[in-house]
Amino acid sequence: MVCIFFLLSCGVKNQPTGEISPAPASQHPELSEQEKLIACSSCHQEVTPEIYEQWYNSVHGLDNVKCFQCHGTYENFSVVPKMDKCATCHVEQLRKMPPGMTCWQCHPAHKFSVHK
C-alpha cells in the first residue's frame, strides 16, 4: 500500500500548473546535476511527508539508514527495494526467512518496527 502511495505521490511538479505528474515505477523524476547532490529527504519531506515521517521514526531512520541504501541512487533508483539491498545489513534474518517471502510482507514498509 505504501509503495502504491509512493508511486502516485512521487512525481515532477509542472511549473505552470503546479500539478504533480506520477513518476514511472522504475525511475525517479528528472533531476538537475545540483539536485542529485542533495539528500532525498530535502524534497521528500514535502513531496511524500507521510512516507518521510514513517522512515524518520523507524529503526532505519533512527539508525540513519539513507534512502539510497535501500532504493538505490538516482541512476539506479527502484521504488521497491531488491532483497539483496536488505542482505547488506540483514544477512542472518534473510537466511531464516521462508523462501519466496519479502521483508515487507511482515514488516510494514518504512516502519520496520513491528510485524504486520
Foldseek 3Di string as FASTA:
>chain_A
DVLVVCQCQQADQDVPPRDGDGDPQFAHYDDDPVVLPDAPCVPCCPRPVVLVVLLCQAPCNVVVPGPCLFQNGRVGGHSHGDQVSVCVPPVVVVVPDDPPDHLCCQAPPSHNPGGD
